[in-house]
N, C-alpha and C. Protein backbone atom coordinates (compact mmCIF):
# COMPACT_ATOMS: atom_id res chain seq x y z
N MET A 1 -1.78 4.34 7.17
CA MET A 1 -0.36 4.28 6.67
C MET A 1 -0.13 5.19 5.45
N ARG A 2 0.87 5.69 4.78
CA ARG A 2 1.23 6.36 3.58
C ARG A 2 2.28 5.41 2.61
N THR A 3 2.05 5.15 1.72
CA THR A 3 2.71 4.32 0.55
C THR A 3 3.12 5.13 -0.55
N THR A 4 4.34 5.45 -0.72
CA THR A 4 4.69 6.26 -1.98
C THR A 4 5.22 5.31 -2.97
N VAL A 5 4.89 4.94 -4.27
CA VAL A 5 5.27 3.93 -5.23
C VAL A 5 5.75 4.69 -6.27
N LEU A 6 6.95 4.72 -7.05
CA LEU A 6 7.75 5.06 -8.21
C LEU A 6 7.43 4.06 -9.12
N PHE A 7 6.82 4.12 -10.04
CA PHE A 7 6.53 3.35 -11.34
C PHE A 7 7.33 3.85 -12.50
N SER A 8 8.27 2.89 -13.05
CA SER A 8 8.87 2.98 -14.12
C SER A 8 8.28 1.81 -15.46
N GLY A 9 8.81 2.25 -16.27
CA GLY A 9 8.64 1.54 -17.71
C GLY A 9 7.87 2.46 -18.55
N THR A 10 6.99 2.01 -19.44
CA THR A 10 6.39 2.81 -20.16
C THR A 10 5.00 3.17 -19.71
N VAL A 11 5.30 4.26 -18.52
CA VAL A 11 4.16 4.76 -17.70
C VAL A 11 3.50 5.97 -17.78
N GLN A 12 4.23 6.94 -19.01
CA GLN A 12 3.68 8.21 -19.20
C GLN A 12 2.94 7.90 -20.72
N GLY A 13 1.87 8.69 -21.07
CA GLY A 13 1.43 8.69 -22.13
C GLY A 13 0.66 7.47 -22.37
N VAL A 14 0.14 6.68 -21.39
CA VAL A 14 -0.63 5.45 -21.58
C VAL A 14 -1.79 5.42 -20.55
N GLY A 15 -2.23 6.84 -20.35
CA GLY A 15 -3.51 6.70 -19.09
C GLY A 15 -3.24 6.12 -18.01
N PHE A 16 -2.08 6.07 -17.57
CA PHE A 16 -1.82 5.33 -16.28
C PHE A 16 -1.99 6.33 -15.22
N ARG A 17 -2.11 7.46 -15.13
CA ARG A 17 -2.86 8.29 -14.16
C ARG A 17 -4.13 8.32 -13.99
N TYR A 18 -4.89 8.28 -15.35
CA TYR A 18 -6.24 8.36 -15.23
C TYR A 18 -6.75 6.94 -14.91
N THR A 19 -6.13 6.03 -15.16
CA THR A 19 -6.45 4.70 -14.52
C THR A 19 -6.24 4.47 -12.94
N ALA A 20 -5.18 4.89 -12.68
CA ALA A 20 -4.79 5.05 -11.07
C ALA A 20 -5.86 5.80 -10.39
N ALA A 21 -6.37 6.95 -10.75
CA ALA A 21 -7.20 7.72 -10.23
C ALA A 21 -8.59 7.00 -10.36
N ARG A 22 -8.85 6.29 -11.21
CA ARG A 22 -10.32 5.77 -11.67
C ARG A 22 -10.14 4.46 -10.62
N LEU A 23 -9.29 3.96 -10.36
CA LEU A 23 -9.15 2.60 -9.55
C LEU A 23 -9.12 3.44 -7.92
N ALA A 24 -8.50 4.24 -7.53
CA ALA A 24 -8.59 4.69 -6.34
C ALA A 24 -9.96 5.30 -5.79
N GLY A 25 -10.84 5.61 -6.79
CA GLY A 25 -12.24 6.07 -6.47
C GLY A 25 -12.87 4.76 -6.02
N CYS A 26 -12.37 3.57 -6.46
CA CYS A 26 -13.09 2.32 -5.98
C CYS A 26 -12.66 1.79 -4.55
N ARG A 27 -11.93 2.90 -4.14
CA ARG A 27 -11.20 2.49 -2.61
C ARG A 27 -11.24 3.65 -1.76
N ARG A 28 -10.96 3.08 -0.56
CA ARG A 28 -10.89 4.17 0.75
C ARG A 28 -9.59 4.81 0.95
N VAL A 29 -9.31 5.39 -0.11
CA VAL A 29 -7.70 5.94 -0.20
C VAL A 29 -7.82 7.60 -0.27
N THR A 30 -6.77 8.04 0.01
CA THR A 30 -6.61 9.67 -0.52
C THR A 30 -5.21 9.54 -1.11
N GLY A 31 -4.91 10.78 -1.59
CA GLY A 31 -3.66 10.84 -2.03
C GLY A 31 -3.55 11.40 -3.37
N TYR A 32 -2.26 11.05 -4.15
CA TYR A 32 -2.21 11.68 -5.54
C TYR A 32 -1.28 10.87 -6.58
N VAL A 33 -1.62 11.02 -7.60
CA VAL A 33 -0.51 10.30 -8.85
C VAL A 33 -0.08 11.61 -9.64
N ARG A 34 1.00 11.55 -9.98
CA ARG A 34 1.64 12.38 -10.95
C ARG A 34 2.85 11.80 -11.91
N ASN A 35 2.92 12.43 -12.99
CA ASN A 35 4.09 12.18 -13.89
C ASN A 35 5.03 12.75 -13.26
N LEU A 36 6.57 12.42 -13.31
CA LEU A 36 7.87 12.86 -12.93
C LEU A 36 8.56 13.28 -14.32
N PRO A 37 9.48 14.35 -13.99
CA PRO A 37 10.12 14.40 -15.17
C PRO A 37 11.17 13.45 -16.03
N ASP A 38 11.44 12.40 -14.81
CA ASP A 38 12.43 11.44 -15.62
C ASP A 38 11.61 10.72 -16.14
N GLY A 39 10.34 10.53 -16.35
CA GLY A 39 9.36 9.57 -17.09
C GLY A 39 8.88 8.47 -16.19
N ARG A 40 9.15 8.51 -15.01
CA ARG A 40 8.17 7.85 -13.97
C ARG A 40 7.02 8.28 -13.62
N VAL A 41 6.37 7.56 -12.74
CA VAL A 41 5.09 8.00 -12.31
C VAL A 41 4.90 8.00 -10.75
N GLU A 42 4.44 8.83 -9.96
CA GLU A 42 4.72 8.50 -8.54
C GLU A 42 3.26 8.46 -8.04
N LEU A 43 3.12 7.76 -7.14
CA LEU A 43 1.72 7.42 -6.66
C LEU A 43 1.86 7.56 -5.07
N VAL A 44 1.23 8.51 -4.52
CA VAL A 44 1.22 8.81 -2.85
C VAL A 44 -0.29 8.16 -2.59
N ALA A 45 -0.34 7.43 -1.60
CA ALA A 45 -1.75 6.75 -1.25
C ALA A 45 -1.89 6.61 0.29
N GLU A 46 -2.78 7.08 0.97
CA GLU A 46 -2.94 7.01 2.19
C GLU A 46 -4.19 6.22 2.47
N GLY A 47 -4.36 5.40 3.69
CA GLY A 47 -5.53 4.55 4.32
C GLY A 47 -5.10 3.52 4.71
N SER A 48 -5.81 2.64 4.84
CA SER A 48 -5.46 1.51 5.61
C SER A 48 -4.57 0.37 4.70
N SER A 49 -3.67 -0.30 5.24
CA SER A 49 -2.77 -1.13 4.58
C SER A 49 -3.80 -2.16 3.29
N GLU A 50 -4.74 -2.53 4.09
CA GLU A 50 -5.60 -3.45 2.98
C GLU A 50 -5.98 -2.62 1.81
N GLU A 51 -6.29 -1.43 1.99
CA GLU A 51 -6.87 -0.47 0.88
C GLU A 51 -5.78 -0.10 -0.01
N VAL A 52 -4.73 0.40 0.75
CA VAL A 52 -3.65 1.00 -0.34
C VAL A 52 -2.80 -0.26 -1.10
N GLN A 53 -2.59 -1.58 -0.32
CA GLN A 53 -2.00 -2.44 -0.93
C GLN A 53 -2.86 -3.13 -2.10
N GLY A 54 -4.23 -2.88 -1.59
CA GLY A 54 -5.28 -3.59 -2.89
C GLY A 54 -5.20 -2.39 -4.14
N LEU A 55 -4.95 -0.99 -3.80
CA LEU A 55 -4.85 -0.26 -5.02
C LEU A 55 -3.77 -0.50 -5.81
N ILE A 56 -2.72 -0.75 -4.91
CA ILE A 56 -1.43 -1.00 -5.84
C ILE A 56 -1.58 -2.00 -6.85
N ALA A 57 -2.11 -3.08 -6.35
CA ALA A 57 -2.36 -4.39 -6.89
C ALA A 57 -3.34 -4.20 -7.93
N ASP A 58 -4.53 -3.52 -7.93
CA ASP A 58 -5.23 -3.11 -9.04
C ASP A 58 -4.40 -2.29 -10.21
N ILE A 59 -3.65 -1.41 -9.66
CA ILE A 59 -3.09 -0.66 -10.86
C ILE A 59 -2.00 -1.70 -11.61
N GLU A 60 -1.28 -2.27 -10.65
CA GLU A 60 -0.21 -3.23 -11.20
C GLU A 60 -0.98 -4.53 -12.40
N GLN A 61 -2.08 -4.83 -11.91
CA GLN A 61 -2.88 -5.83 -12.77
C GLN A 61 -3.54 -4.75 -14.15
N ALA A 62 -4.10 -3.63 -13.82
CA ALA A 62 -4.75 -2.96 -15.19
C ALA A 62 -3.45 -2.59 -15.87
N MET A 63 -2.20 -2.28 -15.41
CA MET A 63 -1.22 -1.51 -16.30
C MET A 63 -0.23 -2.63 -16.42
N SER A 64 -0.32 -3.66 -16.22
CA SER A 64 0.99 -4.49 -16.03
C SER A 64 1.71 -4.79 -17.67
N GLY A 65 1.21 -4.42 -18.64
CA GLY A 65 1.97 -4.54 -19.57
C GLY A 65 2.77 -3.04 -19.74
N PHE A 66 2.81 -2.09 -19.04
CA PHE A 66 3.29 -1.04 -19.18
C PHE A 66 4.33 -0.68 -17.93
N ILE A 67 4.14 -1.55 -16.97
CA ILE A 67 5.04 -1.35 -15.39
C ILE A 67 6.29 -2.36 -15.88
N ARG A 68 7.83 -1.84 -15.87
CA ARG A 68 8.73 -2.60 -15.88
C ARG A 68 9.37 -2.55 -14.09
N GLU A 69 9.14 -2.08 -13.53
CA GLU A 69 9.53 -1.63 -12.13
C GLU A 69 8.83 -0.72 -11.14
N ARG A 70 9.00 -1.15 -9.99
CA ARG A 70 8.29 -0.28 -9.13
C ARG A 70 9.10 -0.10 -7.75
N GLN A 71 9.14 0.94 -7.04
CA GLN A 71 9.84 1.10 -5.96
C GLN A 71 9.02 1.63 -4.68
N ILE A 72 8.79 0.90 -3.56
CA ILE A 72 7.83 1.32 -2.49
C ILE A 72 8.39 1.87 -1.46
N ARG A 73 7.80 2.68 -0.87
CA ARG A 73 8.55 3.49 0.50
C ARG A 73 7.19 3.68 1.37
N GLN A 74 7.04 3.16 2.48
CA GLN A 74 5.98 3.45 3.45
C GLN A 74 6.49 4.42 4.58
N SER A 75 5.37 5.06 4.98
CA SER A 75 5.85 5.87 6.26
C SER A 75 4.47 6.51 6.93
N PRO A 76 4.29 6.92 8.07
CA PRO A 76 3.42 7.33 8.66
C PRO A 76 2.20 8.01 7.87
N ALA A 77 1.00 7.99 8.00
CA ALA A 77 0.04 8.92 7.13
C ALA A 77 0.06 10.47 7.85
N THR A 78 -0.04 11.14 7.07
CA THR A 78 -0.05 12.94 7.25
C THR A 78 -1.61 13.14 7.47
N GLY A 79 -2.60 12.61 6.78
CA GLY A 79 -3.73 13.20 6.67
C GLY A 79 -3.95 14.57 6.05
N GLU A 80 -3.01 14.64 5.25
CA GLU A 80 -3.28 16.21 4.70
C GLU A 80 -4.21 16.09 3.33
N PHE A 81 -4.14 14.89 2.75
CA PHE A 81 -5.23 14.95 1.76
C PHE A 81 -6.73 14.78 2.09
N GLN A 82 -7.56 15.45 0.85
CA GLN A 82 -8.82 15.29 0.91
C GLN A 82 -9.53 14.25 0.48
N GLY A 83 -9.04 13.82 -0.81
CA GLY A 83 -9.44 12.76 -1.75
C GLY A 83 -8.31 12.45 -2.30
N PHE A 84 -8.61 11.98 -3.77
CA PHE A 84 -7.33 11.52 -4.78
C PHE A 84 -7.62 12.10 -5.89
N THR A 85 -6.26 12.72 -6.36
CA THR A 85 -6.18 13.42 -7.33
C THR A 85 -5.12 13.18 -8.34
N ILE A 86 -5.36 13.97 -9.46
CA ILE A 86 -4.28 13.75 -10.52
C ILE A 86 -3.44 15.09 -10.26
N ARG A 87 -2.12 14.90 -10.20
CA ARG A 87 -1.28 16.31 -10.28
C ARG A 87 -0.58 16.22 -11.50
N ARG A 88 -0.27 17.52 -11.64
CA ARG A 88 0.35 17.82 -12.89
C ARG A 88 1.88 18.20 -12.74
């Protein structure tokens, strides 16, 4: 499964992407995290439902003071990612 999450709040300039990448390294997921020009952070993760949902929960717990809102969209996995990266 592929899940795209758009996080809003104070999510840029607080180590959000690095935290997400570190937490993704502890899970069996691939994808990326990046800052968006509008101040949100986009997370795209592929893996089993359990692993992806676990990653989102880990991020929400670690960054709870910074996240105001999240939008989640699910779609079929593409298999295009080799690992999990931070994109610019």
